[in-house]
Amino acid sequence: MQAGDNLFPQAAAGGVPADNRETFVAVQKNGDGDLTAFQTSSGRMLAYNEALQEVQAGRIAGVNAFKGRDGETYIRGDADGDPSNNLDNLPTFG
């Protein structure tokens, strides 16, 4: 370590250090294939609205919230060009 090195990781939105954030590791879907719940890397199971609040607070890495054309807010994976980590491709739990 040298003088001037940052001892603290860059904080994400909401002030949560990036390396302490959870990720989504599994999902639940309804009969139409819509995402309804998420399991986090720490084992928490969150209903869609709870997960959305966590995403908006910056507590979940690799995802973001966006407003759709219908005016509703949705969760989506960060665009990284890797389809294997899209939310629809995560394993299901339940």
PDB file of N, CA and C in Angstrom:
ATOM      1  N   MET A   1       0.850  -1.181   0.000  1.00  0.00           N
ATOM      2  CA  MET A   1       0.000   0.000   0.000  1.00  0.00           C
ATOM      3  C   MET A   1       0.886   1.231   0.000  1.00  0.00           C
ATOM      4  N   GLN A   2       0.490   2.205  -0.779  1.00  0.00           N
ATOM      5  CA  GLN A   2       1.261   3.430  -0.893  1.00  0.00           C
ATOM      6  C   GLN A   2       0.434   4.606  -0.399  1.00  0.00           C
ATOM      7  N   ALA A   3       1.112   5.686  -0.108  1.00  0.00           N
ATOM      8  CA  ALA A   3       0.407   6.895   0.305  1.00  0.00           C
ATOM      9  C   ALA A   3      -0.579   7.285  -0.782  1.00  0.00           C
ATOM     10  N   GLY A   4      -1.764   7.636  -0.374  1.00  0.00           N
ATOM     11  CA  GLY A   4      -2.789   8.055  -1.320  1.00  0.00           C
ATOM     12  C   GLY A   4      -3.692   6.929  -1.781  1.00  0.00           C
ATOM     13  N   ASP A   5      -3.340   5.656  -1.462  1.00  0.00           N
ATOM     14  CA  ASP A   5      -4.223   4.551  -1.828  1.00  0.00           C
ATOM     15  C   ASP A   5      -5.526   4.667  -1.050  1.00  0.00           C
ATOM     16  N   ASN A   6      -6.606   4.374  -1.710  1.00  0.00           N
ATOM     17  CA  ASN A   6      -7.920   4.447  -1.084  1.00  0.00           C
ATOM     18  C   ASN A   6      -8.161   3.180  -0.269  1.00  0.00           C
ATOM     19  N   LEU A   7      -8.408   3.331   1.013  1.00  0.00           N
ATOM     20  CA  LEU A   7      -8.662   2.192   1.887  1.00  0.00           C
ATOM     21  C   LEU A   7     -10.083   1.677   1.766  1.00  0.00           C
ATOM     22  N   PHE A   8     -10.963   2.454   1.179  1.00  0.00           N
ATOM     23  CA  PHE A   8     -12.366   2.090   1.115  1.00  0.00           C
ATOM     24  C   PHE A   8     -12.788   1.902  -0.330  1.00  0.00           C
ATOM     25  N   PRO A   9     -13.545   0.817  -0.623  1.00  0.00           N
ATOM     26  CA  PRO A   9     -13.995   0.613  -2.000  1.00  0.00           C
ATOM     27  C   PRO A   9     -14.965   1.700  -2.423  1.00  0.00           C
ATOM     28  N   GLN A  10     -15.051   1.896  -3.718  1.00  0.00           N
ATOM     29  CA  GLN A  10     -15.988   2.876  -4.273  1.00  0.00           C
ATOM     30  C   GLN A  10     -17.399   2.518  -3.826  1.00  0.00           C
ATOM     31  N   ALA A  11     -18.113   3.478  -3.305  1.00  0.00           N
ATOM     32  CA  ALA A  11     -19.487   3.236  -2.871  1.00  0.00           C
ATOM     33  C   ALA A  11     -20.416   3.266  -4.069  1.00  0.00           C
ATOM     34  N   ALA A  12     -21.380   2.376  -4.047  1.00  0.00           N
ATOM     35  CA  ALA A  12     -22.401   2.339  -5.093  1.00  0.00           C
ATOM     36  C   ALA A  12     -23.513   3.309  -4.730  1.00  0.00           C
ATOM     37  N   ALA A  13     -24.510   3.382  -5.590  1.00  0.00           N
ATOM     38  CA  ALA A  13     -25.678   4.219  -5.291  1.00  0.00           C
ATOM     39  C   ALA A  13     -26.225   3.809  -3.936  1.00  0.00           C
ATOM     40  N   GLY A  14     -26.628   4.751  -3.148  1.00  0.00           N
ATOM     41  CA  GLY A  14     -27.147   4.464  -1.822  1.00  0.00           C
ATOM     42  C   GLY A  14     -26.068   4.394  -0.765  1.00  0.00           C
ATOM     43  N   GLY A  15     -24.798   4.559  -1.163  1.00  0.00           N
ATOM     44  CA  GLY A  15     -23.727   4.588  -0.191  1.00  0.00           C
ATOM     45  C   GLY A  15     -23.264   3.225   0.283  1.00  0.00           C
ATOM     46  N   VAL A  16     -23.702   2.138  -0.343  1.00  0.00           N
ATOM     47  CA  VAL A  16     -23.288   0.799   0.048  1.00  0.00           C
ATOM     48  C   VAL A  16     -21.999   0.464  -0.701  1.00  0.00           C
ATOM     49  N   PRO A  17     -20.925   0.078   0.011  1.00  0.00           N
ATOM     50  CA  PRO A  17     -19.689  -0.261  -0.690  1.00  0.00           C
ATOM     51  C   PRO A  17     -19.935  -1.348  -1.733  1.00  0.00           C
ATOM     52  N   ALA A  18     -19.356  -1.199  -2.912  1.00  0.00           N
ATOM     53  CA  ALA A  18     -19.622  -2.103  -4.030  1.00  0.00           C
ATOM     54  C   ALA A  18     -19.328  -3.559  -3.680  1.00  0.00           C
ATOM     55  N   ASP A  19     -18.268  -3.821  -2.915  1.00  0.00           N
ATOM     56  CA  ASP A  19     -17.919  -5.212  -2.645  1.00  0.00           C
ATOM     57  C   ASP A  19     -18.778  -5.843  -1.558  1.00  0.00           C
ATOM     58  N   ASN A  20     -19.630  -5.090  -0.915  1.00  0.00           N
ATOM     59  CA  ASN A  20     -20.521  -5.634   0.104  1.00  0.00           C
ATOM     60  C   ASN A  20     -21.931  -5.867  -0.413  1.00  0.00           C
ATOM     61  N   ARG A  21     -22.180  -5.542  -1.680  1.00  0.00           N
ATOM     62  CA  ARG A  21     -23.533  -5.685  -2.207  1.00  0.00           C
ATOM     63  C   ARG A  21     -23.837  -7.136  -2.554  1.00  0.00           C
ATOM     64  N   GLU A  22     -25.091  -7.490  -2.386  1.00  0.00           N
ATOM     65  CA  GLU A  22     -25.549  -8.813  -2.781  1.00  0.00           C
ATOM     66  C   GLU A  22     -25.792  -8.835  -4.287  1.00  0.00           C
ATOM     67  N   THR A  23     -25.978 -10.017  -4.816  1.00  0.00           N
ATOM     68  CA  THR A  23     -26.402 -10.201  -6.199  1.00  0.00           C
ATOM     69  C   THR A  23     -27.626 -11.106  -6.196  1.00  0.00           C
ATOM     70  N   PHE A  24     -28.352 -11.110  -7.292  1.00  0.00           N
ATOM     71  CA  PHE A  24     -29.451 -12.055  -7.454  1.00  0.00           C
ATOM     72  C   PHE A  24     -28.878 -13.343  -8.025  1.00  0.00           C
ATOM     73  N   VAL A  25     -29.240 -14.479  -7.408  1.00  0.00           N
ATOM     74  CA  VAL A  25     -28.713 -15.770  -7.849  1.00  0.00           C
ATOM     75  C   VAL A  25     -29.797 -16.707  -8.373  1.00  0.00           C
ATOM     76  N   ALA A  26     -31.067 -16.409  -8.078  1.00  0.00           N
ATOM     77  CA  ALA A  26     -32.177 -17.242  -8.547  1.00  0.00           C
ATOM     78  C   ALA A  26     -33.444 -16.401  -8.558  1.00  0.00           C
ATOM     79  N   VAL A  27     -34.429 -16.863  -9.315  1.00  0.00           N
ATOM     80  CA  VAL A  27     -35.680 -16.119  -9.465  1.00  0.00           C
ATOM     81  C   VAL A  27     -36.876 -17.058  -9.370  1.00  0.00           C
ATOM     82  N   GLN A  28     -38.042 -16.470  -9.129  1.00  0.00           N
ATOM     83  CA  GLN A  28     -39.323 -17.159  -9.287  1.00  0.00           C
ATOM     84  C   GLN A  28     -40.070 -16.442 -10.391  1.00  0.00           C
ATOM     85  N   LYS A  29     -40.843 -17.222 -11.159  1.00  0.00           N
ATOM     86  CA  LYS A  29     -41.626 -16.656 -12.257  1.00  0.00           C
ATOM     87  C   LYS A  29     -43.075 -17.098 -12.124  1.00  0.00           C
ATOM     88  N   ASN A  30     -43.981 -16.271 -12.652  1.00  0.00           N
ATOM     89  CA  ASN A  30     -45.383 -16.666 -12.688  1.00  0.00           C
ATOM     90  C   ASN A  30     -45.639 -17.470 -13.964  1.00  0.00           C
ATOM     91  N   GLY A  31     -46.884 -17.843 -14.195  1.00  0.00           N
ATOM     92  CA  GLY A  31     -47.238 -18.648 -15.355  1.00  0.00           C
ATOM     93  C   GLY A  31     -46.956 -17.982 -16.682  1.00  0.00           C
ATOM     94  N   ASP A  32     -46.871 -16.660 -16.697  1.00  0.00           N
ATOM     95  CA  ASP A  32     -46.560 -15.921 -17.926  1.00  0.00           C
ATOM     96  C   ASP A  32     -45.055 -15.743 -18.133  1.00  0.00           C
ATOM     97  N   GLY A  33     -44.252 -16.217 -17.166  1.00  0.00           N
ATOM     98  CA  GLY A  33     -42.803 -16.051 -17.260  1.00  0.00           C
ATOM     99  C   GLY A  33     -42.286 -14.751 -16.683  1.00  0.00           C
ATOM    100  N   ASP A  34     -43.185 -13.965 -16.065  1.00  0.00           N
ATOM    101  CA  ASP A  34     -42.763 -12.708 -15.439  1.00  0.00           C
ATOM    102  C   ASP A  34     -42.059 -13.002 -14.122  1.00  0.00           C
ATOM    103  N   LEU A  35     -41.001 -12.259 -13.825  1.00  0.00           N
ATOM    104  CA  LEU A  35     -40.284 -12.425 -12.565  1.00  0.00           C
ATOM    105  C   LEU A  35     -41.151 -11.934 -11.415  1.00  0.00           C
ATOM    106  N   THR A  36     -41.248 -12.743 -10.358  1.00  0.00           N
ATOM    107  CA  THR A  36     -42.091 -12.380  -9.216  1.00  0.00           C
ATOM    108  C   THR A  36     -41.326 -12.315  -7.901  1.00  0.00           C
ATOM    109  N   ALA A  37     -40.154 -12.962  -7.825  1.00  0.00           N
ATOM    110  CA  ALA A  37     -39.364 -12.965  -6.595  1.00  0.00           C
ATOM    111  C   ALA A  37     -37.915 -13.279  -6.941  1.00  0.00           C
ATOM    112  N   PHE A  38     -37.028 -12.931  -6.016  1.00  0.00           N
ATOM    113  CA  PHE A  38     -35.592 -13.091  -6.233  1.00  0.00           C
ATOM    114  C   PHE A  38     -34.951 -13.693  -4.992  1.00  0.00           C
ATOM    115  N   GLN A  39     -33.927 -14.520  -5.197  1.00  0.00           N
ATOM    116  CA  GLN A  39     -33.091 -14.997  -4.105  1.00  0.00           C
ATOM    117  C   GLN A  39     -31.743 -14.311  -4.249  1.00  0.00           C
ATOM    118  N   THR A  40     -31.220 -13.802  -3.133  1.00  0.00           N
ATOM    119  CA  THR A  40     -29.946 -13.088  -3.166  1.00  0.00           C
ATOM    120  C   THR A  40     -28.787 -14.019  -2.821  1.00  0.00           C
ATOM    121  N   SER A  41     -27.600 -13.530  -3.056  1.00  0.00           N
ATOM    122  CA  SER A  41     -26.384 -14.293  -2.781  1.00  0.00           C
ATOM    123  C   SER A  41     -26.217 -14.617  -1.302  1.00  0.00           C
ATOM    124  N   SER A  42     -26.913 -13.900  -0.429  1.00  0.00           N
ATOM    125  CA  SER A  42     -26.845 -14.217   1.002  1.00  0.00           C
ATOM    126  C   SER A  42     -27.988 -15.132   1.429  1.00  0.00           C
ATOM    127  N   GLY A  43     -28.840 -15.530   0.471  1.00  0.00           N
ATOM    128  CA  GLY A  43     -29.926 -16.450   0.783  1.00  0.00           C
ATOM    129  C   GLY A  43     -31.266 -15.799   1.057  1.00  0.00           C
ATOM    130  N   ARG A  44     -31.296 -14.469   1.050  1.00  0.00           N
ATOM    131  CA  ARG A  44     -32.584 -13.800   1.285  1.00  0.00           C
ATOM    132  C   ARG A  44     -33.509 -14.027   0.098  1.00  0.00           C
ATOM    133  N   MET A  45     -34.801 -14.165   0.391  1.00  0.00           N
ATOM    134  CA  MET A  45     -35.813 -14.288  -0.646  1.00  0.00           C
ATOM    135  C   MET A  45     -36.678 -13.042  -0.604  1.00  0.00           C
ATOM    136  N   LEU A  46     -36.725 -12.327  -1.727  1.00  0.00           N
ATOM    137  CA  LEU A  46     -37.407 -11.039  -1.791  1.00  0.00           C
ATOM    138  C   LEU A  46     -38.523 -11.073  -2.825  1.00  0.00           C
ATOM    139  N   ALA A  47     -39.711 -10.637  -2.423  1.00  0.00           N
ATOM    140  CA  ALA A  47     -40.783 -10.425  -3.389  1.00  0.00           C
ATOM    141  C   ALA A  47     -40.343  -9.323  -4.344  1.00  0.00           C
ATOM    142  N   TYR A  48     -40.974  -9.251  -5.514  1.00  0.00           N
ATOM    143  CA  TYR A  48     -40.545  -8.298  -6.540  1.00  0.00           C
ATOM    144  C   TYR A  48     -40.446  -6.879  -5.987  1.00  0.00           C
ATOM    145  N   ASN A  49     -41.468  -6.416  -5.276  1.00  0.00           N
ATOM    146  CA  ASN A  49     -41.449  -5.036  -4.766  1.00  0.00           C
ATOM    147  C   ASN A  49     -40.333  -4.815  -3.751  1.00  0.00           C
ATOM    148  N   GLU A  50     -40.066  -5.828  -2.911  1.00  0.00           N
ATOM    149  CA  GLU A  50     -38.952  -5.716  -1.964  1.00  0.00           C
ATOM    150  C   GLU A  50     -37.621  -5.649  -2.717  1.00  0.00           C
ATOM    151  N   ALA A  51     -37.487  -6.493  -3.724  1.00  0.00           N
ATOM    152  CA  ALA A  51     -36.260  -6.499  -4.523  1.00  0.00           C
ATOM    153  C   ALA A  51     -36.065  -5.160  -5.224  1.00  0.00           C
ATOM    154  N   LEU A  52     -37.141  -4.599  -5.740  1.00  0.00           N
ATOM    155  CA  LEU A  52     -37.062  -3.302  -6.415  1.00  0.00           C
ATOM    156  C   LEU A  52     -36.560  -2.228  -5.456  1.00  0.00           C
ATOM    157  N   GLN A  53     -37.041  -2.244  -4.223  1.00  0.00           N
ATOM    158  CA  GLN A  53     -36.580  -1.269  -3.225  1.00  0.00           C
ATOM    159  C   GLN A  53     -35.090  -1.446  -2.944  1.00  0.00           C
ATOM    160  N   GLU A  54     -34.638  -2.696  -2.852  1.00  0.00           N
ATOM    161  CA  GLU A  54     -33.218  -2.970  -2.605  1.00  0.00           C
ATOM    162  C   GLU A  54     -32.358  -2.485  -3.782  1.00  0.00           C
ATOM    163  N   VAL A  55     -32.841  -2.726  -4.999  1.00  0.00           N
ATOM    164  CA  VAL A  55     -32.112  -2.279  -6.194  1.00  0.00           C
ATOM    165  C   VAL A  55     -32.022  -0.761  -6.216  1.00  0.00           C
ATOM    166  N   GLN A  56     -33.135  -0.092  -5.964  1.00  0.00           N
ATOM    167  CA  GLN A  56     -33.157   1.372  -5.995  1.00  0.00           C
ATOM    168  C   GLN A  56     -32.283   1.977  -4.908  1.00  0.00           C
ATOM    169  N   ALA A  57     -32.082   1.249  -3.806  1.00  0.00           N
ATOM    170  CA  ALA A  57     -31.221   1.724  -2.721  1.00  0.00           C
ATOM    171  C   ALA A  57     -29.745   1.408  -2.984  1.00  0.00           C
ATOM    172  N   GLY A  58     -29.448   0.717  -4.094  1.00  0.00           N
ATOM    173  CA  GLY A  58     -28.062   0.402  -4.427  1.00  0.00           C
ATOM    174  C   GLY A  58     -27.492  -0.778  -3.682  1.00  0.00           C
ATOM    175  N   ARG A  59     -28.343  -1.629  -3.119  1.00  0.00           N
ATOM    176  CA  ARG A  59     -27.869  -2.752  -2.309  1.00  0.00           C
ATOM    177  C   ARG A  59     -27.636  -4.032  -3.108  1.00  0.00           C
ATOM    178  N   ILE A  60     -28.041  -4.042  -4.383  1.00  0.00           N
ATOM    179  CA  ILE A  60     -27.895  -5.231  -5.216  1.00  0.00           C
ATOM    180  C   ILE A  60     -27.009  -4.883  -6.412  1.00  0.00           C
ATOM    181  N   ALA A  61     -25.964  -5.654  -6.611  1.00  0.00           N
ATOM    182  CA  ALA A  61     -25.035  -5.421  -7.725  1.00  0.00           C
ATOM    183  C   ALA A  61     -25.525  -6.109  -8.991  1.00  0.00           C
ATOM    184  N   GLY A  62     -25.168  -5.535 -10.135  1.00  0.00           N
ATOM    185  CA  GLY A  62     -25.429  -6.169 -11.416  1.00  0.00           C
ATOM    186  C   GLY A  62     -26.801  -5.918 -12.004  1.00  0.00           C
ATOM    187  N   VAL A  63     -27.590  -5.091 -11.346  1.00  0.00           N
ATOM    188  CA  VAL A  63     -28.945  -4.802 -11.815  1.00  0.00           C
ATOM    189  C   VAL A  63     -29.247  -3.322 -11.654  1.00  0.00           C
ATOM    190  N   ASN A  64     -30.312  -2.883 -12.314  1.00  0.00           N
ATOM    191  CA  ASN A  64     -30.762  -1.507 -12.165  1.00  0.00           C
ATOM    192  C   ASN A  64     -32.264  -1.460 -12.317  1.00  0.00           C
ATOM    193  N   ALA A  65     -32.839  -0.340 -11.950  1.00  0.00           N
ATOM    194  CA  ALA A  65     -34.277  -0.119 -12.086  1.00  0.00           C
ATOM    195  C   ALA A  65     -34.494   0.855 -13.231  1.00  0.00           C
ATOM    196  N   PHE A  66     -35.532   0.601 -14.023  1.00  0.00           N
ATOM    197  CA  PHE A  66     -35.852   1.511 -15.121  1.00  0.00           C
ATOM    198  C   PHE A  66     -37.357   1.658 -15.230  1.00  0.00           C
ATOM    199  N   LYS A  67     -37.775   2.777 -15.776  1.00  0.00           N
ATOM    200  CA  LYS A  67     -39.197   3.042 -15.972  1.00  0.00           C
ATOM    201  C   LYS A  67     -39.582   2.604 -17.376  1.00  0.00           C
ATOM    202  N   GLY A  68     -40.564   1.705 -17.465  1.00  0.00           N
ATOM    203  CA  GLY A  68     -41.033   1.209 -18.755  1.00  0.00           C
ATOM    204  C   GLY A  68     -41.957   2.197 -19.436  1.00  0.00           C
ATOM    205  N   ARG A  69     -42.317   1.857 -20.662  1.00  0.00           N
ATOM    206  CA  ARG A  69     -43.220   2.718 -21.433  1.00  0.00           C
ATOM    207  C   ARG A  69     -44.577   2.868 -20.764  1.00  0.00           C
ATOM    208  N   ASP A  70     -44.936   1.874 -19.954  1.00  0.00           N
ATOM    209  CA  ASP A  70     -46.223   1.925 -19.253  1.00  0.00           C
ATOM    210  C   ASP A  70     -46.160   2.760 -17.981  1.00  0.00           C
ATOM    211  N   GLY A  71     -44.985   3.321 -17.668  1.00  0.00           N
ATOM    212  CA  GLY A  71     -44.827   4.160 -16.488  1.00  0.00           C
ATOM    213  C   GLY A  71     -44.454   3.398 -15.234  1.00  0.00           C
ATOM    214  N   GLU A  72     -44.465   2.068 -15.286  1.00  0.00           N
ATOM    215  CA  GLU A  72     -44.086   1.248 -14.135  1.00  0.00           C
ATOM    216  C   GLU A  72     -42.562   1.125 -14.074  1.00  0.00           C
ATOM    217  N   THR A  73     -42.041   0.869 -12.860  1.00  0.00           N
ATOM    218  CA  THR A  73     -40.607   0.689 -12.671  1.00  0.00           C
ATOM    219  C   THR A  73     -40.299  -0.798 -12.589  1.00  0.00           C
ATOM    220  N   TYR A  74     -39.264  -1.216 -13.310  1.00  0.00           N
ATOM    221  CA  TYR A  74     -38.897  -2.623 -13.415  1.00  0.00           C
ATOM    222  C   TYR A  74     -37.426  -2.820 -13.078  1.00  0.00           C
ATOM    223  N   ILE A  75     -37.083  -4.078 -12.761  1.00  0.00           N
ATOM    224  CA  ILE A  75     -35.704  -4.477 -12.504  1.00  0.00           C
ATOM    225  C   ILE A  75     -35.162  -5.135 -13.771  1.00  0.00           C
ATOM    226  N   ARG A  76     -33.924  -4.780 -14.130  1.00  0.00           N
ATOM    227  CA  ARG A  76     -33.269  -5.470 -15.241  1.00  0.00           C
ATOM    228  C   ARG A  76     -31.784  -5.594 -14.926  1.00  0.00           C
ATOM    229  N   GLY A  77     -31.164  -6.564 -15.556  1.00  0.00           N
ATOM    230  CA  GLY A  77     -29.730  -6.741 -15.400  1.00  0.00           C
ATOM    231  C   GLY A  77     -28.979  -5.628 -16.097  1.00  0.00           C
ATOM    232  N   ASP A  78     -27.807  -5.294 -15.565  1.00  0.00           N
ATOM    233  CA  ASP A  78     -26.962  -4.301 -16.219  1.00  0.00           C
ATOM    234  C   ASP A  78     -26.550  -4.823 -17.592  1.00  0.00           C
ATOM    235  N   ALA A  79     -26.536  -3.954 -18.575  1.00  0.00           N
ATOM    236  CA  ALA A  79     -26.130  -4.339 -19.926  1.00  0.00           C
ATOM    237  C   ALA A  79     -24.627  -4.579 -19.947  1.00  0.00           C
ATOM    238  N   ASP A  80     -24.246  -5.842 -20.112  1.00  0.00           N
ATOM    239  CA  ASP A  80     -22.822  -6.164 -20.172  1.00  0.00           C
ATOM    240  C   ASP A  80     -22.497  -7.052 -21.368  1.00  0.00           C
ATOM    241  N   GLY A  81     -23.483  -7.312 -22.218  1.00  0.00           N
ATOM    242  CA  GLY A  81     -23.251  -8.118 -23.403  1.00  0.00           C
ATOM    243  C   GLY A  81     -23.185  -9.610 -23.154  1.00  0.00           C
ATOM    244  N   ASP A  82     -23.404 -10.045 -21.913  1.00  0.00           N
ATOM    245  CA  ASP A  82     -23.337 -11.467 -21.573  1.00  0.00           C
ATOM    246  C   ASP A  82     -24.744 -11.977 -21.286  1.00  0.00           C
ATOM    247  N   PRO A  83     -25.385 -12.662 -22.235  1.00  0.00           N
ATOM    248  CA  PRO A  83     -26.757 -13.114 -22.017  1.00  0.00           C
ATOM    249  C   PRO A  83     -26.891 -14.171 -20.929  1.00  0.00           C
ATOM    250  N   SER A  84     -25.795 -14.834 -20.547  1.00  0.00           N
ATOM    251  CA  SER A  84     -25.890 -15.899 -19.548  1.00  0.00           C
ATOM    252  C   SER A  84     -26.255 -15.376 -18.167  1.00  0.00           C
ATOM    253  N   ASN A  85     -26.019 -14.086 -17.900  1.00  0.00           N
ATOM    254  CA  ASN A  85     -26.354 -13.564 -16.576  1.00  0.00           C
ATOM    255  C   ASN A  85     -27.603 -12.681 -16.600  1.00  0.00           C
ATOM    256  N   ASN A  86     -28.374 -12.750 -17.681  1.00  0.00           N
ATOM    257  CA  ASN A  86     -29.648 -12.030 -17.702  1.00  0.00           C
ATOM    258  C   ASN A  86     -30.566 -12.617 -16.642  1.00  0.00           C
ATOM    259  N   LEU A  87     -31.405 -11.802 -16.053  1.00  0.00           N
ATOM    260  CA  LEU A  87     -32.272 -12.261 -14.973  1.00  0.00           C
ATOM    261  C   LEU A  87     -33.150 -13.426 -15.411  1.00  0.00           C
ATOM    262  N   ASP A  88     -33.643 -13.404 -16.643  1.00  0.00           N
ATOM    263  CA  ASP A  88     -34.481 -14.503 -17.139  1.00  0.00           C
ATOM    264  C   ASP A  88     -33.727 -15.821 -17.213  1.00  0.00           C
ATOM    265  N   ASN A  89     -32.412 -15.772 -17.277  1.00  0.00           N
ATOM    266  CA  ASN A  89     -31.605 -16.986 -17.402  1.00  0.00           C
ATOM    267  C   ASN A  89     -31.116 -17.531 -16.066  1.00  0.00           C
ATOM    268  N   LEU A  90     -31.419 -16.847 -14.961  1.00  0.00           N
ATOM    269  CA  LEU A  90     -31.021 -17.354 -13.648  1.00  0.00           C
ATOM    270  C   LEU A  90     -31.845 -18.589 -13.310  1.00  0.00           C
ATOM    271  N   PRO A  91     -31.298 -19.489 -12.486  1.00  0.00           N
ATOM    272  CA  PRO A  91     -32.084 -20.653 -12.072  1.00  0.00           C
ATOM    273  C   PRO A  91     -33.291 -20.220 -11.247  1.00  0.00           C
ATOM    274  N   THR A  92     -34.285 -21.096 -11.186  1.00  0.00           N
ATOM    275  CA  THR A  92     -35.466 -20.800 -10.373  1.00  0.00           C
ATOM    276  C   THR A  92     -35.306 -21.434  -8.995  1.00  0.00           C
ATOM    277  N   PHE A  93     -36.009 -20.890  -8.036  1.00  0.00           N
ATOM    278  CA  PHE A  93     -36.030 -21.449  -6.682  1.00  0.00           C
ATOM    279  C   PHE A  93     -37.474 -21.578  -6.256  1.00  0.00           C
ATOM    280  N   GLY A  94     -37.680 -22.354  -5.215  1.00  0.00           N
ATOM    281  CA  GLY A  94     -38.991 -22.317  -4.752  1.00  0.00           C
ATOM    282  C   GLY A  94     -39.776 -23.331  -4.211  1.00  0.00           C
TER     283      GLY A  94
END
